[in-house]
Amino acid sequence: MTERAFIPPDYPKSFVLFIIAALIGLVFGGIAMLGAWLQITLLEFVGRSGFVACWAIAAAMFIIFLPRSWAGKYRGLPARPWKEQVW
């Protein structure tokens, strides 16, 4: 059985960061809803702030990824270490 890396080596950095930021944003969204349900203002504030920050990062990465993907820049992308991967 071969182990697969958490960060896939054959995807661009912008795509990987988009997915990670969106998933972390969903966690912060859950924290915000929990804070609202429990009526804990600080918890709700932290959740909302984290959600907005993560989804802003996800939106920026998507704006970087989408036009380059349409242009065919990522077609046939070889597996590379994270430092050498394209944006």
PDB file of N, CA and C in Angstrom:
ATOM      1  N   MET A   1       0.842  -1.174   0.000  1.00  0.00           N
ATOM      2  CA  MET A   1       0.000   0.000   0.000  1.00  0.00           C
ATOM      3  C   MET A   1       0.892   1.243   0.000  1.00  0.00           C
ATOM      4  N   THR A   2       0.707   2.102  -0.975  1.00  0.00           N
ATOM      5  CA  THR A   2       1.490   3.329  -1.037  1.00  0.00           C
ATOM      6  C   THR A   2       0.727   4.454  -0.353  1.00  0.00           C
ATOM      7  N   GLU A   3       1.474   5.263   0.361  1.00  0.00           N
ATOM      8  CA  GLU A   3       0.858   6.398   1.034  1.00  0.00           C
ATOM      9  C   GLU A   3       0.778   7.572   0.080  1.00  0.00           C
ATOM     10  N   ARG A   4      -0.326   8.264   0.118  1.00  0.00           N
ATOM     11  CA  ARG A   4      -0.517   9.453  -0.707  1.00  0.00           C
ATOM     12  C   ARG A   4      -0.339  10.673   0.193  1.00  0.00           C
ATOM     13  N   ALA A   5       0.384  11.650  -0.305  1.00  0.00           N
ATOM     14  CA  ALA A   5       0.643  12.863   0.471  1.00  0.00           C
ATOM     15  C   ALA A   5      -0.647  13.641   0.693  1.00  0.00           C
ATOM     16  N   PHE A   6      -0.706  14.370   1.808  1.00  0.00           N
ATOM     17  CA  PHE A   6      -1.880  15.193   2.106  1.00  0.00           C
ATOM     18  C   PHE A   6      -2.047  16.282   1.059  1.00  0.00           C
ATOM     19  N   ILE A   7      -0.941  16.907   0.674  1.00  0.00           N
ATOM     20  CA  ILE A   7      -0.969  17.924  -0.377  1.00  0.00           C
ATOM     21  C   ILE A   7      -0.583  17.231  -1.677  1.00  0.00           C
ATOM     22  N   PRO A   8      -1.503  17.119  -2.617  1.00  0.00           N
ATOM     23  CA  PRO A   8      -1.192  16.399  -3.852  1.00  0.00           C
ATOM     24  C   PRO A   8      -0.122  17.109  -4.672  1.00  0.00           C
ATOM     25  N   PRO A   9       0.880  16.378  -5.159  1.00  0.00           N
ATOM     26  CA  PRO A   9       1.989  16.999  -5.894  1.00  0.00           C
ATOM     27  C   PRO A   9       1.661  17.311  -7.351  1.00  0.00           C
ATOM     28  N   ASP A  10       0.504  16.885  -7.839  1.00  0.00           N
ATOM     29  CA  ASP A  10       0.179  17.089  -9.251  1.00  0.00           C
ATOM     30  C   ASP A  10      -0.946  18.101  -9.472  1.00  0.00           C
ATOM     31  N   TYR A  11      -1.190  18.959  -8.488  1.00  0.00           N
ATOM     32  CA  TYR A  11      -2.165  20.043  -8.609  1.00  0.00           C
ATOM     33  C   TYR A  11      -1.459  21.371  -8.355  1.00  0.00           C
ATOM     34  N   PRO A  12      -1.919  22.460  -8.972  1.00  0.00           N
ATOM     35  CA  PRO A  12      -1.282  23.761  -8.716  1.00  0.00           C
ATOM     36  C   PRO A  12      -1.543  24.253  -7.293  1.00  0.00           C
ATOM     37  N   LYS A  13      -0.659  25.117  -6.820  1.00  0.00           N
ATOM     38  CA  LYS A  13      -0.781  25.649  -5.461  1.00  0.00           C
ATOM     39  C   LYS A  13      -2.098  26.379  -5.248  1.00  0.00           C
ATOM     40  N   SER A  14      -2.549  27.126  -6.244  1.00  0.00           N
ATOM     41  CA  SER A  14      -3.774  27.905  -6.087  1.00  0.00           C
ATOM     42  C   SER A  14      -4.983  26.998  -5.854  1.00  0.00           C
ATOM     43  N   PHE A  15      -5.031  25.854  -6.524  1.00  0.00           N
ATOM     44  CA  PHE A  15      -6.148  24.925  -6.341  1.00  0.00           C
ATOM     45  C   PHE A  15      -6.121  24.304  -4.944  1.00  0.00           C
ATOM     46  N   VAL A  16      -4.937  23.891  -4.504  1.00  0.00           N
ATOM     47  CA  VAL A  16      -4.802  23.269  -3.186  1.00  0.00           C
ATOM     48  C   VAL A  16      -5.174  24.264  -2.088  1.00  0.00           C
ATOM     49  N   LEU A  17      -4.690  25.498  -2.194  1.00  0.00           N
ATOM     50  CA  LEU A  17      -5.018  26.510  -1.183  1.00  0.00           C
ATOM     51  C   LEU A  17      -6.491  26.883  -1.211  1.00  0.00           C
ATOM     52  N   PHE A  18      -7.111  26.874  -2.396  1.00  0.00           N
ATOM     53  CA  PHE A  18      -8.547  27.128  -2.498  1.00  0.00           C
ATOM     54  C   PHE A  18      -9.327  26.086  -1.708  1.00  0.00           C
ATOM     55  N   ILE A  19      -9.016  24.816  -1.903  1.00  0.00           N
ATOM     56  CA  ILE A  19      -9.727  23.743  -1.215  1.00  0.00           C
ATOM     57  C   ILE A  19      -9.511  23.813   0.294  1.00  0.00           C
ATOM     58  N   ILE A  20      -8.257  23.996   0.716  1.00  0.00           N
ATOM     59  CA  ILE A  20      -7.957  24.050   2.143  1.00  0.00           C
ATOM     60  C   ILE A  20      -8.648  25.240   2.811  1.00  0.00           C
ATOM     61  N   ALA A  21      -8.589  26.417   2.189  1.00  0.00           N
ATOM     62  CA  ALA A  21      -9.218  27.612   2.777  1.00  0.00           C
ATOM     63  C   ALA A  21     -10.736  27.456   2.848  1.00  0.00           C
ATOM     64  N   ALA A  22     -11.334  26.876   1.821  1.00  0.00           N
ATOM     65  CA  ALA A  22     -12.789  26.686   1.834  1.00  0.00           C
ATOM     66  C   ALA A  22     -13.204  25.714   2.939  1.00  0.00           C
ATOM     67  N   LEU A  23     -12.462  24.636   3.117  1.00  0.00           N
ATOM     68  CA  LEU A  23     -12.805  23.660   4.165  1.00  0.00           C
ATOM     69  C   LEU A  23     -12.604  24.240   5.561  1.00  0.00           C
ATOM     70  N   ILE A  24     -11.523  24.969   5.772  1.00  0.00           N
ATOM     71  CA  ILE A  24     -11.317  25.599   7.078  1.00  0.00           C
ATOM     72  C   ILE A  24     -12.397  26.654   7.322  1.00  0.00           C
ATOM     73  N   GLY A  25     -12.808  27.357   6.256  1.00  0.00           N
ATOM     74  CA  GLY A  25     -13.890  28.331   6.382  1.00  0.00           C
ATOM     75  C   GLY A  25     -15.192  27.683   6.823  1.00  0.00           C
ATOM     76  N   LEU A  26     -15.453  26.470   6.351  1.00  0.00           N
ATOM     77  CA  LEU A  26     -16.654  25.770   6.788  1.00  0.00           C
ATOM     78  C   LEU A  26     -16.596  25.433   8.274  1.00  0.00           C
ATOM     79  N   VAL A  27     -15.423  25.104   8.768  1.00  0.00           N
ATOM     80  CA  VAL A  27     -15.262  24.844  10.205  1.00  0.00           C
ATOM     81  C   VAL A  27     -15.559  26.117  10.995  1.00  0.00           C
ATOM     82  N   PHE A  28     -15.006  27.245  10.532  1.00  0.00           N
ATOM     83  CA  PHE A  28     -15.284  28.516  11.212  1.00  0.00           C
ATOM     84  C   PHE A  28     -16.771  28.878  11.121  1.00  0.00           C
ATOM     85  N   GLY A  29     -17.414  28.536  10.028  1.00  0.00           N
ATOM     86  CA  GLY A  29     -18.853  28.770   9.915  1.00  0.00           C
ATOM     87  C   GLY A  29     -19.624  27.986  10.963  1.00  0.00           C
ATOM     88  N   GLY A  30     -19.208  26.756  11.200  1.00  0.00           N
ATOM     89  CA  GLY A  30     -19.830  25.954  12.257  1.00  0.00           C
ATOM     90  C   GLY A  30     -19.602  26.553  13.633  1.00  0.00           C
ATOM     91  N   ILE A  31     -18.413  27.086  13.853  1.00  0.00           N
ATOM     92  CA  ILE A  31     -18.118  27.747  15.129  1.00  0.00           C
ATOM     93  C   ILE A  31     -19.005  28.982  15.303  1.00  0.00           C
ATOM     94  N   ALA A  32     -19.199  29.734  14.229  1.00  0.00           N
ATOM     95  CA  ALA A  32     -20.061  30.926  14.296  1.00  0.00           C
ATOM     96  C   ALA A  32     -21.501  30.533  14.609  1.00  0.00           C
ATOM     97  N   MET A  33     -21.976  29.460  13.979  1.00  0.00           N
ATOM     98  CA  MET A  33     -23.354  29.023  14.262  1.00  0.00           C
ATOM     99  C   MET A  33     -23.491  28.518  15.689  1.00  0.00           C
ATOM    100  N   LEU A  34     -22.467  27.821  16.176  1.00  0.00           N
ATOM    101  CA  LEU A  34     -22.493  27.360  17.565  1.00  0.00           C
ATOM    102  C   LEU A  34     -22.515  28.545  18.522  1.00  0.00           C
ATOM    103  N   GLY A  35     -21.692  29.560  18.246  1.00  0.00           N
ATOM    104  CA  GLY A  35     -21.672  30.754  19.081  1.00  0.00           C
ATOM    105  C   GLY A  35     -23.003  31.488  19.062  1.00  0.00           C
ATOM    106  N   ALA A  36     -23.652  31.532  17.904  1.00  0.00           N
ATOM    107  CA  ALA A  36     -24.962  32.185  17.824  1.00  0.00           C
ATOM    108  C   ALA A  36     -26.018  31.380  18.582  1.00  0.00           C
ATOM    109  N   TRP A  37     -25.938  30.059  18.477  1.00  0.00           N
ATOM    110  CA  TRP A  37     -26.923  29.209  19.150  1.00  0.00           C
ATOM    111  C   TRP A  37     -26.766  29.274  20.666  1.00  0.00           C
ATOM    112  N   LEU A  38     -25.501  29.301  21.124  1.00  0.00           N
ATOM    113  CA  LEU A  38     -25.244  29.376  22.560  1.00  0.00           C
ATOM    114  C   LEU A  38     -25.262  30.807  23.083  1.00  0.00           C
ATOM    115  N   GLN A  39     -25.400  31.766  22.198  1.00  0.00           N
ATOM    116  CA  GLN A  39     -25.407  33.186  22.515  1.00  0.00           C
ATOM    117  C   GLN A  39     -24.117  33.618  23.218  1.00  0.00           C
ATOM    118  N   ILE A  40     -22.995  33.150  22.649  1.00  0.00           N
ATOM    119  CA  ILE A  40     -21.669  33.545  23.128  1.00  0.00           C
ATOM    120  C   ILE A  40     -21.092  34.467  22.055  1.00  0.00           C
ATOM    121  N   THR A  41     -21.098  35.741  22.339  1.00  0.00           N
ATOM    122  CA  THR A  41     -20.730  36.752  21.357  1.00  0.00           C
ATOM    123  C   THR A  41     -19.307  36.583  20.848  1.00  0.00           C
ATOM    124  N   LEU A  42     -18.356  36.322  21.731  1.00  0.00           N
ATOM    125  CA  LEU A  42     -16.961  36.181  21.328  1.00  0.00           C
ATOM    126  C   LEU A  42     -16.780  34.988  20.386  1.00  0.00           C
ATOM    127  N   LEU A  43     -17.405  33.878  20.695  1.00  0.00           N
ATOM    128  CA  LEU A  43     -17.314  32.691  19.855  1.00  0.00           C
ATOM    129  C   LEU A  43     -17.923  32.949  18.478  1.00  0.00           C
ATOM    130  N   GLU A  44     -19.041  33.626  18.456  1.00  0.00           N
ATOM    131  CA  GLU A  44     -19.683  33.970  17.185  1.00  0.00           C
ATOM    132  C   GLU A  44     -18.797  34.922  16.372  1.00  0.00           C
ATOM    133  N   PHE A  45     -18.194  35.893  17.034  1.00  0.00           N
ATOM    134  CA  PHE A  45     -17.310  36.843  16.351  1.00  0.00           C
ATOM    135  C   PHE A  45     -16.088  36.144  15.755  1.00  0.00           C
ATOM    136  N   VAL A  46     -15.469  35.274  16.538  1.00  0.00           N
ATOM    137  CA  VAL A  46     -14.298  34.529  16.049  1.00  0.00           C
ATOM    138  C   VAL A  46     -14.689  33.659  14.859  1.00  0.00           C
ATOM    139  N   GLY A  47     -15.825  32.995  14.961  1.00  0.00           N
ATOM    140  CA  GLY A  47     -16.297  32.153  13.870  1.00  0.00           C
ATOM    141  C   GLY A  47     -16.576  32.935  12.596  1.00  0.00           C
ATOM    142  N   ARG A  48     -17.255  34.054  12.743  1.00  0.00           N
ATOM    143  CA  ARG A  48     -17.555  34.876  11.562  1.00  0.00           C
ATOM    144  C   ARG A  48     -16.285  35.464  10.949  1.00  0.00           C
ATOM    145  N   SER A  49     -15.391  35.938  11.800  1.00  0.00           N
ATOM    146  CA  SER A  49     -14.140  36.522  11.293  1.00  0.00           C
ATOM    147  C   SER A  49     -13.310  35.476  10.560  1.00  0.00           C
ATOM    148  N   GLY A  50     -13.186  34.296  11.134  1.00  0.00           N
ATOM    149  CA  GLY A  50     -12.446  33.224  10.487  1.00  0.00           C
ATOM    150  C   GLY A  50     -13.093  32.789   9.189  1.00  0.00           C
ATOM    151  N   PHE A  51     -14.423  32.729   9.181  1.00  0.00           N
ATOM    152  CA  PHE A  51     -15.152  32.345   7.972  1.00  0.00           C
ATOM    153  C   PHE A  51     -14.902  33.339   6.841  1.00  0.00           C
ATOM    154  N   VAL A  52     -15.017  34.612   7.156  1.00  0.00           N
ATOM    155  CA  VAL A  52     -14.817  35.646   6.135  1.00  0.00           C
ATOM    156  C   VAL A  52     -13.376  35.644   5.636  1.00  0.00           C
ATOM    157  N   ALA A  53     -12.409  35.528   6.548  1.00  0.00           N
ATOM    158  CA  ALA A  53     -10.998  35.525   6.142  1.00  0.00           C
ATOM    159  C   ALA A  53     -10.682  34.321   5.257  1.00  0.00           C
ATOM    160  N   CYS A  54     -11.136  33.153   5.655  1.00  0.00           N
ATOM    161  CA  CYS A  54     -10.854  31.944   4.868  1.00  0.00           C
ATOM    162  C   CYS A  54     -11.521  31.994   3.504  1.00  0.00           C
ATOM    163  N   TRP A  55     -12.746  32.453   3.454  1.00  0.00           N
ATOM    164  CA  TRP A  55     -13.433  32.495   2.163  1.00  0.00           C
ATOM    165  C   TRP A  55     -12.894  33.611   1.278  1.00  0.00           C
ATOM    166  N   ALA A  56     -12.327  34.670   1.860  1.00  0.00           N
ATOM    167  CA  ALA A  56     -11.656  35.688   1.049  1.00  0.00           C
ATOM    168  C   ALA A  56     -10.395  35.110   0.411  1.00  0.00           C
ATOM    169  N   ILE A  57      -9.655  34.326   1.175  1.00  0.00           N
ATOM    170  CA  ILE A  57      -8.472  33.656   0.630  1.00  0.00           C
ATOM    171  C   ILE A  57      -8.882  32.660  -0.449  1.00  0.00           C
ATOM    172  N   ALA A  58      -9.935  31.904  -0.191  1.00  0.00           N
ATOM    173  CA  ALA A  58     -10.423  30.933  -1.179  1.00  0.00           C
ATOM    174  C   ALA A  58     -10.853  31.637  -2.465  1.00  0.00           C
ATOM    175  N   ALA A  59     -11.509  32.763  -2.344  1.00  0.00           N
ATOM    176  CA  ALA A  59     -11.937  33.512  -3.536  1.00  0.00           C
ATOM    177  C   ALA A  59     -10.737  34.020  -4.322  1.00  0.00           C
ATOM    178  N   ALA A  60      -9.721  34.514  -3.628  1.00  0.00           N
ATOM    179  CA  ALA A  60      -8.515  34.997  -4.313  1.00  0.00           C
ATOM    180  C   ALA A  60      -7.814  33.857  -5.043  1.00  0.00           C
ATOM    181  N   MET A  61      -7.717  32.701  -4.405  1.00  0.00           N
ATOM    182  CA  MET A  61      -7.066  31.556  -5.053  1.00  0.00           C
ATOM    183  C   MET A  61      -7.879  31.067  -6.251  1.00  0.00           C
ATOM    184  N   PHE A  62      -9.192  31.134  -6.147  1.00  0.00           N
ATOM    185  CA  PHE A  62     -10.047  30.727  -7.266  1.00  0.00           C
ATOM    186  C   PHE A  62      -9.880  31.685  -8.442  1.00  0.00           C
ATOM    187  N   ILE A  63      -9.743  32.983  -8.132  1.00  0.00           N
ATOM    188  CA  ILE A  63      -9.539  33.983  -9.187  1.00  0.00           C
ATOM    189  C   ILE A  63      -8.188  33.765  -9.873  1.00  0.00           C
ATOM    190  N   ILE A  64      -7.204  33.300  -9.143  1.00  0.00           N
ATOM    191  CA  ILE A  64      -5.911  32.974  -9.743  1.00  0.00           C
ATOM    192  C   ILE A  64      -6.007  31.689 -10.560  1.00  0.00           C
ATOM    193  N   PHE A  65      -6.681  30.680 -10.012  1.00  0.00           N
ATOM    194  CA  PHE A  65      -6.730  29.360 -10.634  1.00  0.00           C
ATOM    195  C   PHE A  65      -7.574  29.309 -11.910  1.00  0.00           C
ATOM    196  N   LEU A  66      -8.749  29.879 -11.888  1.00  0.00           N
ATOM    197  CA  LEU A  66      -9.702  29.686 -12.984  1.00  0.00           C
ATOM    198  C   LEU A  66      -9.215  30.173 -14.346  1.00  0.00           C
ATOM    199  N   PRO A  67      -8.735  31.410 -14.495  1.00  0.00           N
ATOM    200  CA  PRO A  67      -8.290  31.832 -15.830  1.00  0.00           C
ATOM    201  C   PRO A  67      -7.100  31.032 -16.347  1.00  0.00           C
ATOM    202  N   ARG A  68      -6.198  30.673 -15.447  1.00  0.00           N
ATOM    203  CA  ARG A  68      -5.040  29.889 -15.873  1.00  0.00           C
ATOM    204  C   ARG A  68      -5.461  28.475 -16.280  1.00  0.00           C
ATOM    205  N   SER A  69      -6.453  27.953 -15.603  1.00  0.00           N
ATOM    206  CA  SER A  69      -6.956  26.635 -15.975  1.00  0.00           C
ATOM    207  C   SER A  69      -7.619  26.680 -17.348  1.00  0.00           C
ATOM    208  N   TRP A  70      -8.418  27.713 -17.591  1.00  0.00           N
ATOM    209  CA  TRP A  70      -9.074  27.858 -18.898  1.00  0.00           C
ATOM    210  C   TRP A  70      -8.044  28.046 -20.009  1.00  0.00           C
ATOM    211  N   ALA A  71      -6.932  28.702 -19.704  1.00  0.00           N
ATOM    212  CA  ALA A  71      -5.886  28.939 -20.697  1.00  0.00           C
ATOM    213  C   ALA A  71      -5.058  27.684 -20.973  1.00  0.00           C
ATOM    214  N   GLY A  72      -5.242  26.646 -20.171  1.00  0.00           N
ATOM    215  CA  GLY A  72      -4.535  25.394 -20.393  1.00  0.00           C
ATOM    216  C   GLY A  72      -3.173  25.311 -19.741  1.00  0.00           C
ATOM    217  N   LYS A  73      -2.896  26.199 -18.805  1.00  0.00           N
ATOM    218  CA  LYS A  73      -1.583  26.219 -18.153  1.00  0.00           C
ATOM    219  C   LYS A  73      -1.341  24.956 -17.332  1.00  0.00           C
ATOM    220  N   TYR A  74      -2.374  24.348 -16.819  1.00  0.00           N
ATOM    221  CA  TYR A  74      -2.224  23.204 -15.926  1.00  0.00           C
ATOM    222  C   TYR A  74      -2.402  21.868 -16.647  1.00  0.00           C
ATOM    223  N   ARG A  75      -2.551  21.879 -17.932  1.00  0.00           N
ATOM    224  CA  ARG A  75      -2.719  20.648 -18.696  1.00  0.00           C
ATOM    225  C   ARG A  75      -1.420  19.846 -18.663  1.00  0.00           C
ATOM    226  N   GLY A  76      -1.488  18.597 -18.251  1.00  0.00           N
ATOM    227  CA  GLY A  76      -0.306  17.745 -18.194  1.00  0.00           C
ATOM    228  C   GLY A  76       0.680  18.165 -17.131  1.00  0.00           C
ATOM    229  N   LEU A  77       0.196  18.658 -16.018  1.00  0.00           N
ATOM    230  CA  LEU A  77       1.050  19.146 -14.934  1.00  0.00           C
ATOM    231  C   LEU A  77       1.774  17.973 -14.272  1.00  0.00           C
ATOM    232  N   PRO A  78       3.115  17.983 -14.242  1.00  0.00           N
ATOM    233  CA  PRO A  78       3.838  16.868 -13.606  1.00  0.00           C
ATOM    234  C   PRO A  78       3.817  16.989 -12.085  1.00  0.00           C
ATOM    235  N   ALA A  79       3.999  15.867 -11.438  1.00  0.00           N
ATOM    236  CA  ALA A  79       4.089  15.866  -9.978  1.00  0.00           C
ATOM    237  C   ALA A  79       5.423  16.489  -9.573  1.00  0.00           C
ATOM    238  N   ARG A  80       5.347  17.493  -8.707  1.00  0.00           N
ATOM    239  CA  ARG A  80       6.539  18.205  -8.229  1.00  0.00           C
ATOM    240  C   ARG A  80       6.408  18.435  -6.728  1.00  0.00           C
ATOM    241  N   PRO A  81       7.538  18.680  -6.049  1.00  0.00           N
ATOM    242  CA  PRO A  81       7.448  19.088  -4.642  1.00  0.00           C
ATOM    243  C   PRO A  81       6.705  20.431  -4.527  1.00  0.00           C
ATOM    244  N   TRP A  82       6.161  20.696  -3.360  1.00  0.00           N
ATOM    245  CA  TRP A  82       5.338  21.895  -3.154  1.00  0.00           C
ATOM    246  C   TRP A  82       6.080  23.176  -3.528  1.00  0.00           C
ATOM    247  N   LYS A  83       7.352  23.297  -3.172  1.00  0.00           N
ATOM    248  CA  LYS A  83       8.109  24.520  -3.453  1.00  0.00           C
ATOM    249  C   LYS A  83       8.271  24.771  -4.937  1.00  0.00           C
ATOM    250  N   GLU A  84       8.266  23.729  -5.749  1.00  0.00           N
ATOM    251  CA  GLU A  84       8.485  23.865  -7.181  1.00  0.00           C
ATOM    252  C   GLU A  84       7.192  23.890  -7.995  1.00  0.00           C
ATOM    253  N   GLN A  85       6.061  23.677  -7.345  1.00  0.00           N
ATOM    254  CA  GLN A  85       4.794  23.629  -8.075  1.00  0.00           C
ATOM    255  C   GLN A  85       4.367  25.030  -8.524  1.00  0.00           C
ATOM    256  N   VAL A  86       3.658  25.092  -9.645  1.00  0.00           N
ATOM    257  CA  VAL A  86       3.202  26.375 -10.199  1.00  0.00           C
ATOM    258  C   VAL A  86       1.980  26.875  -9.435  1.00  0.00           C
ATOM    259  N   TRP A  87       1.709  28.168  -9.575  1.00  0.00           N
ATOM    260  CA  TRP A  87       0.527  28.756  -8.960  1.00  0.00           C
ATOM    261  C   TRP A  87      -0.650  28.572  -9.869  1.00  0.00           C
TER     262      TRP A  87
END
